Amino acid sequence: MVKIKRWLFFFHRWLGVGMCVLFVMWPLSGVVMMYVGFPELTENERLAGLPALDAGRIDAGPSRLWQRASAEAPVEAFRLSSVAARPAYLLKQVGHPWLGLYADTGEWLEEPKAEDAENAARVFYQAQQDDGESVEVSHQGTLEMDQWTVSGALNPHRPLHKVALRDEAATWLYVSSSTGQVVRDVTRNERVWNWLGANLHWIYPVQLRKHDSVWRDLLIAISLVGLASVLSGLIIGLLRLRIRRRHRRQRASPYRGVMKLHHIAGLACVVFLATFMFSGFMSMTPWGLFDAKTSFAQQLWRYQQRDGMGGSRPVHFSAEEIRQLLRQHPADGIKELNWHWFAGQSSLALHDAPGVLRTLRGGSPPAGAAESPPIEPIESAVSRLLPGSEVASIALLERYDNYYYSHHERFRPLPVFRVKFSDPESTWFHIHAQTGELLGRLTFRNRVQRWLYNGMHTLDFSFLLDRRPLWDILLALLCAATALFALTSLIIAWKTLLRLPRRKPSNSGAKQNHAVALRQ
């Protein structure tokens, strides 16, 4: 038993020496991440950076583009948008690259050159300014990946054109080589704060992050080592704590000074520390624990189509119909049209100001008010999602809850239908109530991970998020307490290293030095 305790103390001491810097870094960087997330182009920012579509410039419909669509792949995006200042149709299907067609000339969209990327960045900036102010831009070259573009969501857009703006925020814009549109923006403040936040917290240097599997394995290993350090410390802390039979001078802890503070603070913070380390481990979805057994792409395909792409011609498809739609909303400044499908039917969403949309479907008058798709075709489409499984319930969500919510401006539109199935994976789907778009799914494993990761790691509970700043205060206090505790481990680790025996010079070496000194 004595030998086991000795090894336990040895194990915890050297794990603490190895992990102390990370234990200090994680809670402090976590506080930064509460307010500055990793750079991304939010949906509101993307729409704000698009110029209004000009009906007079729509001379071609999207039929040529639609004819090149794969008959076997679901549609991720099909829209009329702007590439720089020109209207263009853009199509993205699962497993296929982006396709583009200019709506003013009917020409195919080609890979942008440096001057095209500069023009796209300039137009994006001007569209976001109320006064249309211009800005100087500078093309910084093309790249596959840098520190701010490591996200896998950008893979279909690589290589990326990097364009620097000479604005007050010192913004960098990244332009897709596939669509010619801006797909990421990073300001100077975001770059500075992320070196103190996400890049530290996630151990995110691009030199490591570009090797995805290596980075994941490293984070999993570090999380396990951190858990072992916390749990070994808990065991030692409980063994050394005496409430009834106290140590000398009626002390509950046998330690003094920083060791005593480390002992007591560690026991006080152990629950948060353990859940923090465990939830960080769960965030990496280790060993495929939370992977679904079924393909979402196949489910999306069954939901969208009835007789294949050929039988699913989009509504308001001709150039003349699109011109009429745009002319009926001149004051609104429509910025983008998005087509969506369900059970072989399509709807068309008109986006104007960020986050605002109107929806039209087949047979609806162009000047109609905002409409929601009828529930019958959506129910028909839903029944095709999981053949052989029954729909347990369909509910309309008009407010966020614990499973469908937005944080850091993540795009989560409302209202949505939540469809629950009685399949072996207990799958839930969320469907946009206005457009009929299938937004995503949650299997039972995903919902478990939601609590083991988001719930434990960032306290993303609706009763806290709905009552901010309660969430901010609670999480900041927990992070501050953990950082103070971790600081004691850093001091102890430093003292431990200072006590290590230093290597003494050998006698022969000393004699040689003495002889040299005599000769001099």
Foldseek 3Di string as FASTA:
>chain_A
DVVVVVVLVVLLLVLLLVCLVVLLQQLQLALLCQPFPQFWQFLQLQLLLFFFDDLVQQPFFCPVVLVPDDQPFFWPWWKFFDQLNFTKTWTDTPPDAIWIATRRPRHTDAFDDQVSLQSQVQSSVLSNDPVSDGWDKDWPDWDQDALRRLDPVCNSQPGWIWMFTPDPQRKIWTAGRRRNHTTTIDGPVSVVSCVSHVCSNLVRHPVQVNVPVSSLVVQLVSLVSQLSNLVSLLVVLVVQADDDPDDPPRHRGPDDDLVVVLSVLSNVLSVLSNLQSQLSNLVSCPPVQLPDPDDVRVLSVLFFEAPTSVLQQAPLGGSVSVSVLSVLPVVQRFRMWIWGGGHSWIKIWTDGNRPDIAIGTPPDDSNDGRAFPDVVRLVVSVCRSDPPWDWPDKDWDADDALPQDDRPSHDGDDTWIWIFIPDPQRKIWTAHRRGRHTDDMATPSNVVSSCSHVCSNQVSHCVPVVDPPNSSVVSSVSSVSSSVSSVSSNVSSVVVVVPDDDDDDDPVVVVVVVVVVVVD
